[in-house]
Amino acid sequence: MELLPRIAVALIASMAFCFGGLRLIKPDANKQNIDLIEYYSVRGLWLLFVAFYVYQFYTITQYSMNVPFNDEWYFFAPGNLSHDFSWRWMIDFSYGVHRIALTKLLTWLNLKLFGLDFALQKKVNYIVFGCLLWALAVFKNKVVGRTNFVFYPLFMFFLLSPIASENHMWALQSDFHFFLLFSVLAITYGFNHDSISNTFLATACAVMAMYSLSAGVVAAIVYLIVVTIYLYSGIAQDRFPMRNGIICIAINWLVLISGVLFWFQGYKKNELMPPHVYPFELKFWVSYFNIVSSGFGFDSMNVLVGIICFSIFTVPLIILLLRTESRWQESTWRILSSVLVILAVLASITVGRANTGVKFSRYTEVSFLLIPYTSLAWWLVLEKAKSRRVIFLSLFWVFVFIAYFDTWSSDAYRSIKQEDIATLKCMDRYYQHTGDGACAQDFAHFLPVPLPSILDRAKELGVTFTK
């Protein structure tokens, strides 16, 4: 780095250490009533978590290049991105299967403000991913309380692994971050029978998830079914007033069913996608259990490992539902809904991707949320058995730690950057009139027009990489 940028980074790092230290030693009104070792350990853990997030953000900036990658070329196809704002384009289907309104909005703003800098958009994407991590912390506070399960950040550390490298190195992949962010927020603020405003907020978040990625439709339907069962049972068992329960059910059904029906307007199956594989085929379950295990850090194809991982997070849910004292608690149904959403989304992915026979990094971001959810489920199961809770959660953490041990390398980022460099050279040759513009052959057959036309369209828009 040059001298001035190096000085700037040093100053920012020094200020971060200073404020982190102040946060660590900041007085707490209740500190006299808690264990000091635990108190400082927890604050230190959260500071370490934030520091590692910042480090990963910095790493991503070092490997990011201002180059389109795979699906991002589609922005320059006829009828897509332009300088004029278009609501129709914003909410219309992409690739025939997704409505990615928020990602398109980010891309359009990037074009208008910065000439569509793909490297910048990757940085913004990781900030959105940071919002997802924040939402998971808020979710934990809703489920077990702010002062309980203080070592929860230990289980969130795994989400900072480069295991989901595709979603961090593709500018388009904010759609995954937005979908998961709004799905988590919907469940966090749902299941609340005494707050109409929270119900509206939850349904609004579920609708936003639908228009972030097609998986959001699956998530919204699962959430609607689970929250309806919870609210109806509360009315039937007189656990809360009938009027409140009926209003909340009505709001959920009116908003979400309207959103789903509108989402399916104009839907057509993409014929370029591989044939679907359904649950009555063995191939489905082989792929399904392998996608589940990928979230726990296992990158090899092994059905048995997937079944073991599946058992680890389903057993506590069964226990919580069988116990009379926990069966109808909000915390139980929030965790249940969260896990069922992930399982249903993974099933929908398996239907469309089982024929590929590989584990894609991009889908790991969905399945690795099962790690914090599983830790919360077991904490609830063992809430009254502190010694067993410590032992079991420690064993679960060690299990995931071992599985994730080889996932921390930045090699995946480096590989994508090498592809970007090759693409950049290819584009440079084309714009210098010495190349044929065949710069993304692996994705070319998905495009409606030849690649040279795509490059010409990008130049017409004045996109930064063409300069």
Protein backbone atom coordinates (compact mmCIF):
# COMPACT_ATOMS: atom_id res chain seq x y z
CA MET A 1 0.00 0.00 0.00
CA GLU A 2 1.04 3.61 -0.52
CA LEU A 3 1.98 5.68 2.53
CA LEU A 4 -1.24 7.69 2.94
CA PRO A 5 -3.63 4.70 2.66
CA ARG A 6 -1.39 2.80 5.08
CA ILE A 7 -1.60 5.68 7.59
CA ALA A 8 -5.39 5.78 7.18
CA VAL A 9 -5.72 2.04 7.83
CA ALA A 10 -3.42 2.32 10.86
CA LEU A 11 -5.52 5.17 12.31
CA ILE A 12 -8.78 3.28 11.75
CA ALA A 13 -7.33 0.13 13.34
CA SER A 14 -6.01 2.14 16.32
CA MET A 15 -9.41 3.76 16.87
CA ALA A 16 -11.10 0.36 16.64
CA PHE A 17 -8.78 -1.07 19.30
CA CYS A 18 -9.39 1.99 21.47
CA PHE A 19 -13.19 1.82 21.27
CA GLY A 20 -13.08 -1.97 21.64
CA GLY A 21 -11.07 -1.61 24.84
CA LEU A 22 -13.49 0.99 26.16
CA ARG A 23 -16.38 -1.32 25.38
CA LEU A 24 -14.64 -4.17 27.20
CA ILE A 25 -14.11 -2.20 30.42
CA LYS A 26 -17.32 -0.15 30.27
CA PRO A 27 -19.09 -0.31 33.65
CA ASP A 28 -22.30 -2.30 33.93
CA ALA A 29 -24.94 -1.55 36.55
CA ASN A 30 -25.47 -5.28 37.16
CA LYS A 31 -21.78 -6.27 37.15
CA GLN A 32 -21.77 -6.85 40.92
CA ASN A 33 -24.27 -9.68 40.51
CA ILE A 34 -22.49 -11.66 37.80
CA ASP A 35 -19.31 -13.65 37.40
CA LEU A 36 -16.53 -11.28 36.32
CA ILE A 37 -14.74 -13.91 34.22
CA GLU A 38 -17.92 -14.63 32.31
CA TYR A 39 -18.67 -10.91 32.03
CA TYR A 40 -15.36 -10.05 30.36
CA SER A 41 -15.32 -13.27 28.34
CA VAL A 42 -18.66 -12.49 26.74
CA ARG A 43 -17.75 -8.89 25.89
CA GLY A 44 -14.41 -10.09 24.58
CA LEU A 45 -16.12 -12.73 22.43
CA TRP A 46 -18.44 -10.21 20.78
CA LEU A 47 -15.54 -7.83 20.18
CA LEU A 48 -13.53 -10.68 18.65
CA PHE A 49 -16.51 -11.63 16.49
CA VAL A 50 -16.88 -8.07 15.19
CA ALA A 51 -13.11 -7.82 14.61
CA PHE A 52 -13.10 -11.05 12.61
CA TYR A 53 -16.08 -9.84 10.57
CA VAL A 54 -14.12 -6.67 9.74
CA TYR A 55 -11.08 -8.78 8.84
CA GLN A 56 -13.18 -10.92 6.48
CA PHE A 57 -14.62 -7.73 4.98
CA TYR A 58 -11.08 -6.49 4.37
CA THR A 59 -10.10 -9.84 2.82
CA ILE A 60 -13.05 -9.71 0.43
CA THR A 61 -12.10 -6.17 -0.64
CA GLN A 62 -8.59 -7.40 -1.49
CA TYR A 63 -9.88 -10.17 -3.78
CA SER A 64 -12.78 -8.25 -5.34
CA MET A 65 -12.49 -7.03 -8.91
CA ASN A 66 -14.72 -4.81 -11.00
CA VAL A 67 -15.72 -7.61 -13.39
CA PRO A 68 -19.09 -9.32 -14.09
CA PHE A 69 -19.24 -12.97 -13.07
CA ASN A 70 -21.65 -15.63 -14.37
CA ASP A 71 -25.26 -14.47 -13.79
CA GLU A 72 -24.16 -10.82 -13.59
CA TRP A 73 -23.70 -10.73 -17.37
CA TYR A 74 -27.48 -11.03 -17.62
CA PHE A 75 -27.84 -7.39 -16.47
CA PHE A 76 -26.63 -6.28 -19.91
CA ALA A 77 -29.07 -8.40 -21.92
CA PRO A 78 -31.73 -6.51 -23.90
CA GLY A 79 -34.59 -5.17 -21.76
CA ASN A 80 -32.70 -5.37 -18.48
CA LEU A 81 -30.62 -2.76 -16.66
CA SER A 82 -30.80 0.82 -17.94
CA HIS A 83 -30.29 4.34 -16.59
CA ASP A 84 -34.08 4.84 -16.48
CA PHE A 85 -35.78 3.54 -13.36
CA SER A 86 -38.26 0.76 -14.17
CA TRP A 87 -40.57 -0.79 -11.58
CA ARG A 88 -41.49 -3.48 -14.08
CA TRP A 89 -37.87 -4.58 -14.49
CA MET A 90 -37.30 -4.29 -10.76
CA ILE A 91 -39.98 -6.80 -9.78
CA ASP A 92 -39.95 -8.93 -12.95
CA PHE A 93 -38.49 -12.45 -13.00
CA SER A 94 -34.77 -12.96 -13.48
CA TYR A 95 -33.59 -16.19 -15.15
CA GLY A 96 -37.26 -17.21 -15.17
CA VAL A 97 -37.27 -18.34 -11.51
CA HIS A 98 -36.39 -15.43 -9.19
CA ARG A 99 -37.73 -12.01 -8.36
CA ILE A 100 -34.69 -10.19 -6.95
CA ALA A 101 -36.08 -6.68 -6.55
CA LEU A 102 -33.71 -5.52 -3.81
CA THR A 103 -30.62 -6.78 -5.63
CA LYS A 104 -31.77 -5.05 -8.82
CA LEU A 105 -32.36 -1.85 -6.85
CA LEU A 106 -28.82 -2.03 -5.46
CA THR A 107 -27.47 -2.60 -8.98
CA TRP A 108 -29.43 0.32 -10.45
CA LEU A 109 -28.28 2.67 -7.66
CA ASN A 110 -24.71 1.47 -8.24
CA LEU A 111 -25.06 2.29 -11.94
CA LYS A 112 -26.47 5.75 -11.31
CA LEU A 113 -24.03 6.72 -8.54
CA PHE A 114 -20.83 4.86 -9.37
CA GLY A 115 -21.16 3.61 -12.94
CA LEU A 116 -21.85 0.04 -11.73
CA ASP A 117 -18.69 -0.91 -9.85
CA PHE A 118 -18.95 -4.67 -9.23
CA ALA A 119 -16.13 -4.61 -6.67
CA LEU A 120 -18.01 -1.97 -4.67
CA GLN A 121 -21.20 -4.00 -4.81
CA LYS A 122 -19.41 -7.02 -3.30
CA LYS A 123 -18.42 -4.82 -0.36
CA VAL A 124 -21.98 -3.59 0.06
CA ASN A 125 -23.15 -7.22 -0.10
CA TYR A 126 -20.93 -8.13 2.85
CA ILE A 127 -22.43 -5.25 4.83
CA VAL A 128 -25.87 -6.74 4.10
CA PHE A 129 -24.48 -10.08 5.32
CA GLY A 130 -23.43 -8.27 8.49
CA CYS A 131 -27.06 -7.18 8.91
CA LEU A 132 -28.02 -10.88 8.74
CA LEU A 133 -25.58 -11.63 11.57
CA TRP A 134 -27.11 -8.79 13.59
CA ALA A 135 -30.59 -10.23 12.95
CA LEU A 136 -29.43 -13.62 14.27
CA ALA A 137 -28.24 -11.91 17.47
CA VAL A 138 -31.63 -10.19 17.85
CA PHE A 139 -33.33 -13.53 17.18
CA LYS A 140 -31.32 -15.14 19.99
CA ASN A 141 -32.42 -12.41 22.41
CA LYS A 142 -36.06 -13.06 21.47
CA VAL A 143 -35.73 -16.82 21.95
CA VAL A 144 -33.68 -17.16 25.16
CA GLY A 145 -33.32 -13.58 26.42
CA ARG A 146 -30.46 -11.10 26.29
CA THR A 147 -28.71 -12.31 29.45
CA ASN A 148 -29.00 -16.04 28.73
CA PHE A 149 -26.73 -18.21 26.57
CA VAL A 150 -23.96 -15.63 26.72
CA PHE A 151 -21.54 -17.78 24.69
CA TYR A 152 -23.82 -17.75 21.65
CA PRO A 153 -21.23 -15.83 19.53
CA LEU A 154 -19.02 -18.95 19.64
CA PHE A 155 -21.57 -20.68 17.41
CA MET A 156 -21.89 -17.65 15.12
CA PHE A 157 -18.14 -17.57 14.39
CA PHE A 158 -18.58 -20.40 11.88
CA LEU A 159 -20.78 -18.16 9.74
CA LEU A 160 -17.74 -15.97 9.05
CA SER A 161 -15.93 -18.84 7.32
CA PRO A 162 -15.19 -18.44 3.57
CA ILE A 163 -17.22 -21.64 3.13
CA ALA A 164 -19.91 -19.49 1.43
CA SER A 165 -17.33 -17.85 -0.85
CA GLU A 166 -19.59 -17.69 -3.92
CA ASN A 167 -22.08 -15.46 -2.13
CA HIS A 168 -19.32 -13.11 -0.97
CA MET A 169 -17.48 -12.86 -4.30
CA TRP A 170 -20.44 -12.47 -6.66
CA ALA A 171 -22.00 -9.02 -6.79
CA LEU A 172 -25.38 -10.57 -7.59
CA GLN A 173 -25.51 -12.72 -4.46
CA SER A 174 -26.96 -10.07 -2.19
CA ASP A 175 -30.22 -11.84 -3.08
CA PHE A 176 -29.25 -14.68 -0.70
CA HIS A 177 -28.32 -12.23 2.07
CA PHE A 178 -31.56 -10.26 1.70
CA PHE A 179 -33.72 -13.40 1.61
CA LEU A 180 -32.17 -14.81 4.79
CA LEU A 181 -32.13 -11.43 6.55
CA PHE A 182 -35.85 -10.83 6.04
CA SER A 183 -36.75 -14.45 6.79
CA VAL A 184 -34.99 -14.23 10.16
CA LEU A 185 -36.65 -10.88 10.94
CA ALA A 186 -40.09 -12.24 10.00
CA ILE A 187 -39.77 -15.09 12.49
CA THR A 188 -38.21 -12.81 15.11
CA TYR A 189 -41.18 -10.42 15.12
CA GLY A 190 -43.86 -13.00 14.35
CA PHE A 191 -45.53 -15.31 16.91
CA ASN A 192 -46.57 -12.24 18.89
CA HIS A 193 -50.31 -12.24 19.54
CA ASP A 194 -50.45 -8.97 21.51
CA SER A 195 -48.78 -6.63 19.01
CA ILE A 196 -50.52 -5.82 15.73
CA SER A 197 -47.57 -3.65 14.67
CA ASN A 198 -45.14 -6.58 15.11
CA THR A 199 -47.44 -8.79 13.04
CA PHE A 200 -47.46 -6.24 10.22
CA LEU A 201 -43.66 -5.94 10.51
CA ALA A 202 -43.25 -9.73 10.33
CA THR A 203 -45.48 -10.10 7.27
CA ALA A 204 -43.76 -7.17 5.56
CA CYS A 205 -40.39 -8.85 6.14
CA ALA A 206 -41.75 -12.14 4.74
CA VAL A 207 -42.93 -10.33 1.59
CA MET A 208 -39.50 -8.71 1.25
CA ALA A 209 -37.94 -12.18 1.49
CA MET A 210 -40.19 -13.35 -1.39
CA TYR A 211 -39.00 -10.52 -3.61
CA SER A 212 -35.36 -11.10 -2.73
CA LEU A 213 -35.15 -14.72 -3.95
CA SER A 214 -37.60 -17.45 -4.94
CA ALA A 215 -36.64 -19.35 -1.77
CA GLY A 216 -38.42 -16.54 0.09
CA VAL A 217 -41.75 -17.84 -1.24
CA VAL A 218 -41.05 -21.24 0.33
CA ALA A 219 -39.99 -19.54 3.57
CA ALA A 220 -43.13 -17.37 3.66
CA ILE A 221 -45.47 -20.33 3.13
CA VAL A 222 -43.78 -22.38 5.86
CA TYR A 223 -43.85 -19.41 8.23
CA LEU A 224 -47.54 -18.81 7.48
CA ILE A 225 -48.47 -22.44 8.24
CA VAL A 226 -46.46 -22.63 11.47
CA VAL A 227 -47.57 -19.25 12.84
CA THR A 228 -51.22 -20.08 12.05
CA ILE A 229 -50.99 -23.37 13.97
CA TYR A 230 -49.41 -21.55 16.92
CA LEU A 231 -51.99 -18.75 16.99
CA TYR A 232 -54.97 -21.06 16.47
CA SER A 233 -53.84 -23.35 19.28
CA GLY A 234 -53.47 -20.31 21.54
CA ILE A 235 -57.06 -19.32 20.84
CA ALA A 236 -58.36 -22.88 21.33
CA GLN A 237 -56.50 -23.28 24.64
CA ASP A 238 -57.36 -19.77 25.92
CA ARG A 239 -53.69 -18.84 26.23
CA PHE A 240 -54.46 -15.40 24.80
CA PRO A 241 -57.58 -13.42 23.76
CA MET A 242 -59.51 -14.70 20.76
CA ARG A 243 -59.78 -11.23 19.21
CA ASN A 244 -56.00 -10.68 19.13
CA GLY A 245 -55.34 -14.14 17.72
CA ILE A 246 -57.93 -13.83 14.94
CA ILE A 247 -56.64 -10.38 13.91
CA CYS A 248 -53.05 -11.65 13.73
CA ILE A 249 -54.09 -14.73 11.73
CA ALA A 250 -56.12 -12.56 9.35
CA ILE A 251 -53.21 -10.14 8.80
CA ASN A 252 -50.78 -12.98 8.13
CA TRP A 253 -53.06 -14.70 5.61
CA LEU A 254 -54.20 -11.53 3.85
CA VAL A 255 -50.72 -10.09 3.35
CA LEU A 256 -48.77 -13.28 2.63
CA ILE A 257 -51.29 -15.02 0.37
CA SER A 258 -51.64 -11.78 -1.62
CA GLY A 259 -47.86 -11.60 -1.90
CA VAL A 260 -47.57 -15.23 -3.03
CA LEU A 261 -50.36 -14.90 -5.62
CA PHE A 262 -48.80 -11.77 -7.07
CA TRP A 263 -45.36 -13.43 -7.10
CA PHE A 264 -46.64 -16.26 -9.33
CA GLN A 265 -48.11 -13.87 -11.92
CA GLY A 266 -46.26 -14.51 -15.18
CA TYR A 267 -44.18 -17.38 -13.81
CA LYS A 268 -42.75 -19.76 -16.43
CA LYS A 269 -40.37 -22.63 -15.88
CA ASN A 270 -36.86 -21.98 -17.18
CA GLU A 271 -36.25 -24.70 -19.75
CA LEU A 272 -32.46 -24.27 -19.45
CA MET A 273 -32.50 -25.57 -15.89
CA PRO A 274 -31.75 -29.29 -15.26
CA PRO A 275 -34.74 -31.67 -14.82
CA HIS A 276 -36.34 -31.67 -11.38
CA VAL A 277 -35.71 -34.47 -8.88
CA TYR A 278 -38.53 -35.21 -6.43
CA PRO A 279 -38.62 -36.75 -2.91
CA PHE A 280 -39.83 -40.15 -4.15
CA GLU A 281 -36.46 -40.60 -5.89
CA LEU A 282 -33.38 -41.83 -4.01
CA LYS A 283 -31.22 -39.21 -5.73
CA PHE A 284 -33.22 -36.50 -3.97
CA TRP A 285 -32.39 -37.77 -0.48
CA VAL A 286 -28.73 -38.34 -1.31
CA SER A 287 -28.44 -34.74 -2.46
CA TYR A 288 -30.63 -33.39 0.36
CA PHE A 289 -28.63 -34.87 3.22
CA ASN A 290 -25.42 -33.72 1.57
CA ILE A 291 -26.67 -30.13 1.32
CA VAL A 292 -27.61 -30.30 5.00
CA SER A 293 -24.13 -31.55 5.97
CA SER A 294 -22.44 -28.83 3.88
CA GLY A 295 -23.76 -26.24 6.34
CA PHE A 296 -21.96 -28.10 9.13
CA GLY A 297 -18.66 -27.91 7.24
CA PHE A 298 -18.60 -31.26 5.41
CA ASP A 299 -17.68 -30.77 1.75
CA SER A 300 -17.44 -34.44 0.74
CA MET A 301 -20.45 -36.43 -0.48
CA ASN A 302 -21.53 -38.66 2.41
CA VAL A 303 -25.17 -39.44 3.18
CA LEU A 304 -24.43 -40.88 6.64
CA VAL A 305 -22.81 -37.64 7.79
CA GLY A 306 -25.85 -35.74 6.54
CA ILE A 307 -28.19 -38.01 8.51
CA ILE A 308 -26.10 -37.47 11.66
CA CYS A 309 -26.25 -33.68 11.21
CA PHE A 310 -29.99 -33.92 10.54
CA SER A 311 -30.47 -35.84 13.79
CA ILE A 312 -28.48 -33.33 15.83
CA PHE A 313 -30.95 -30.51 15.16
CA THR A 314 -34.20 -32.49 14.91
CA VAL A 315 -33.88 -34.34 18.24
CA PRO A 316 -34.11 -31.17 20.41
CA LEU A 317 -37.14 -29.96 18.44
CA ILE A 318 -38.92 -33.25 19.07
CA ILE A 319 -38.08 -33.04 22.78
CA LEU A 320 -39.38 -29.47 23.02
CA LEU A 321 -42.66 -30.45 21.35
CA LEU A 322 -43.11 -33.56 23.53
CA ARG A 323 -42.60 -31.69 26.79
CA THR A 324 -45.78 -30.19 28.17
CA GLU A 325 -44.05 -27.12 29.66
CA SER A 326 -42.27 -26.15 26.43
CA ARG A 327 -44.72 -27.36 23.79
CA TRP A 328 -46.54 -24.05 23.29
CA GLN A 329 -43.85 -21.55 24.25
CA GLU A 330 -43.08 -18.80 21.74
CA SER A 331 -39.39 -19.68 21.88
CA THR A 332 -40.10 -23.29 20.85
CA TRP A 333 -42.17 -22.21 17.86
CA ARG A 334 -39.67 -19.57 16.75
CA ILE A 335 -36.92 -22.19 16.67
CA LEU A 336 -39.24 -24.74 15.06
CA SER A 337 -40.28 -22.27 12.37
CA SER A 338 -36.67 -21.25 11.69
CA VAL A 339 -35.47 -24.83 11.23
CA LEU A 340 -38.49 -25.83 9.13
CA VAL A 341 -37.91 -22.83 6.84
CA ILE A 342 -34.29 -23.88 6.28
CA LEU A 343 -35.27 -27.52 5.67
CA ALA A 344 -38.04 -26.56 3.24
CA VAL A 345 -35.76 -24.18 1.32
CA LEU A 346 -33.04 -26.85 1.12
CA ALA A 347 -35.67 -29.28 -0.20
CA SER A 348 -36.68 -26.80 -2.93
CA ILE A 349 -33.00 -26.34 -3.85
CA THR A 350 -32.57 -30.12 -4.00
CA VAL A 351 -35.52 -30.47 -6.37
CA GLY A 352 -33.83 -28.12 -8.81
CA ARG A 353 -30.17 -29.01 -8.27
CA ALA A 354 -29.96 -32.72 -7.34
CA ASN A 355 -29.01 -33.62 -10.91
CA THR A 356 -25.78 -31.61 -10.65
CA GLY A 357 -24.41 -34.04 -8.03
CA VAL A 358 -22.20 -31.41 -6.33
CA LYS A 359 -22.33 -29.16 -3.28
CA PHE A 360 -22.51 -25.50 -4.24
CA SER A 361 -20.95 -22.97 -1.88
CA ARG A 362 -23.84 -20.54 -2.42
CA TYR A 363 -26.35 -22.90 -0.77
CA THR A 364 -24.16 -23.38 2.28
CA GLU A 365 -25.24 -19.93 3.45
CA VAL A 366 -28.74 -21.35 3.89
CA SER A 367 -27.75 -24.57 5.66
CA PHE A 368 -25.10 -23.12 7.99
CA LEU A 369 -27.80 -21.15 9.81
CA LEU A 370 -28.70 -24.51 11.33
CA ILE A 371 -25.60 -24.18 13.54
CA PRO A 372 -26.85 -21.25 15.68
CA TYR A 373 -30.43 -22.59 15.52
CA THR A 374 -29.29 -25.99 16.79
CA SER A 375 -27.34 -24.42 19.63
CA LEU A 376 -30.43 -22.44 20.69
CA ALA A 377 -32.65 -25.54 20.50
CA TRP A 378 -30.33 -27.57 22.73
CA TRP A 379 -29.99 -24.65 25.15
CA LEU A 380 -33.78 -24.61 25.55
CA VAL A 381 -33.90 -28.39 26.02
CA LEU A 382 -31.18 -28.29 28.70
CA GLU A 383 -32.17 -24.96 30.24
CA LYS A 384 -32.62 -26.47 33.70
CA ALA A 385 -29.63 -28.83 33.55
CA LYS A 386 -26.64 -26.47 33.54
CA SER A 387 -23.86 -29.06 33.77
CA ARG A 388 -25.32 -31.24 30.99
CA ARG A 389 -25.99 -28.12 28.90
CA VAL A 390 -22.34 -27.03 29.13
CA ILE A 391 -21.10 -30.53 28.25
CA PHE A 392 -23.45 -31.07 25.32
CA LEU A 393 -23.04 -27.60 23.78
CA SER A 394 -19.26 -27.92 24.16
CA LEU A 395 -19.32 -31.26 22.34
CA PHE A 396 -21.51 -29.81 19.59
CA TRP A 397 -19.14 -26.84 19.19
CA VAL A 398 -16.12 -29.14 18.98
CA PHE A 399 -17.95 -31.27 16.37
CA VAL A 400 -18.57 -28.23 14.17
CA PHE A 401 -15.10 -26.82 14.85
CA ILE A 402 -13.46 -30.01 13.57
CA ALA A 403 -15.70 -30.05 10.48
CA TYR A 404 -14.92 -26.37 9.75
CA PHE A 405 -11.19 -26.71 10.47
CA ASP A 406 -10.23 -26.78 6.78
CA THR A 407 -12.69 -24.11 5.59
CA TRP A 408 -10.86 -20.94 6.66
CA SER A 409 -8.51 -20.61 3.70
CA SER A 410 -9.01 -17.76 1.24
CA ASP A 411 -8.14 -20.06 -1.69
CA ALA A 412 -11.73 -19.92 -2.95
CA TYR A 413 -11.56 -16.12 -3.11
CA ARG A 414 -8.23 -16.36 -4.90
CA SER A 415 -9.61 -18.77 -7.49
CA ILE A 416 -12.51 -16.47 -8.31
CA LYS A 417 -10.13 -13.53 -8.61
CA GLN A 418 -8.00 -15.50 -11.09
CA GLU A 419 -11.12 -16.06 -13.20
CA ASP A 420 -11.91 -12.35 -12.95
CA ILE A 421 -8.40 -11.45 -14.12
CA ALA A 422 -8.77 -13.72 -17.16
CA THR A 423 -12.16 -12.14 -17.93
CA LEU A 424 -10.72 -8.65 -17.55
CA LYS A 425 -7.95 -9.42 -20.06
CA CYS A 426 -10.50 -10.87 -22.47
CA MET A 427 -12.69 -7.76 -22.23
CA ASP A 428 -9.68 -5.51 -22.66
CA ARG A 429 -8.77 -7.28 -25.89
CA TYR A 430 -12.34 -6.92 -27.16
CA TYR A 431 -12.55 -3.21 -26.39
CA GLN A 432 -9.13 -2.75 -28.01
CA HIS A 433 -10.55 -4.54 -31.12
CA THR A 434 -8.04 -7.40 -30.84
CA GLY A 435 -10.34 -10.07 -29.33
CA ASP A 436 -13.61 -11.83 -30.12
CA GLY A 437 -15.37 -11.06 -26.81
CA ALA A 438 -15.78 -14.72 -25.79
CA CYS A 439 -15.18 -13.85 -22.13
CA ALA A 440 -17.62 -16.01 -20.16
CA GLN A 441 -18.09 -19.21 -22.16
CA ASP A 442 -19.33 -21.24 -19.18
CA PHE A 443 -22.33 -18.93 -18.90
CA ALA A 444 -22.74 -17.89 -22.55
CA HIS A 445 -25.43 -20.49 -23.32
CA PHE A 446 -27.72 -18.91 -20.68
CA LEU A 447 -27.65 -15.53 -22.39
CA PRO A 448 -30.32 -14.54 -24.95
CA VAL A 449 -27.77 -12.78 -27.21
CA PRO A 450 -24.07 -13.39 -28.06
CA LEU A 451 -21.45 -12.17 -25.60
CA PRO A 452 -20.07 -9.43 -27.88
CA SER A 453 -23.54 -7.85 -27.87
CA ILE A 454 -23.52 -7.98 -24.07
CA LEU A 455 -20.14 -6.19 -23.98
CA ASP A 456 -21.39 -3.56 -26.44
CA ARG A 457 -24.47 -2.97 -24.29
CA ALA A 458 -22.26 -2.49 -21.20
CA LYS A 459 -20.24 0.13 -23.09
CA GLU A 460 -23.43 1.93 -24.10
CA LEU A 461 -24.41 2.17 -20.44
CA GLY A 462 -21.00 3.63 -19.58
CA VAL A 463 -20.23 0.91 -17.04
CA THR A 464 -16.89 1.46 -15.30
CA PHE A 465 -15.26 -1.84 -16.36
CA THR A 466 -15.59 -0.80 -20.03
CA LYS A 467 -13.36 2.23 -19.37
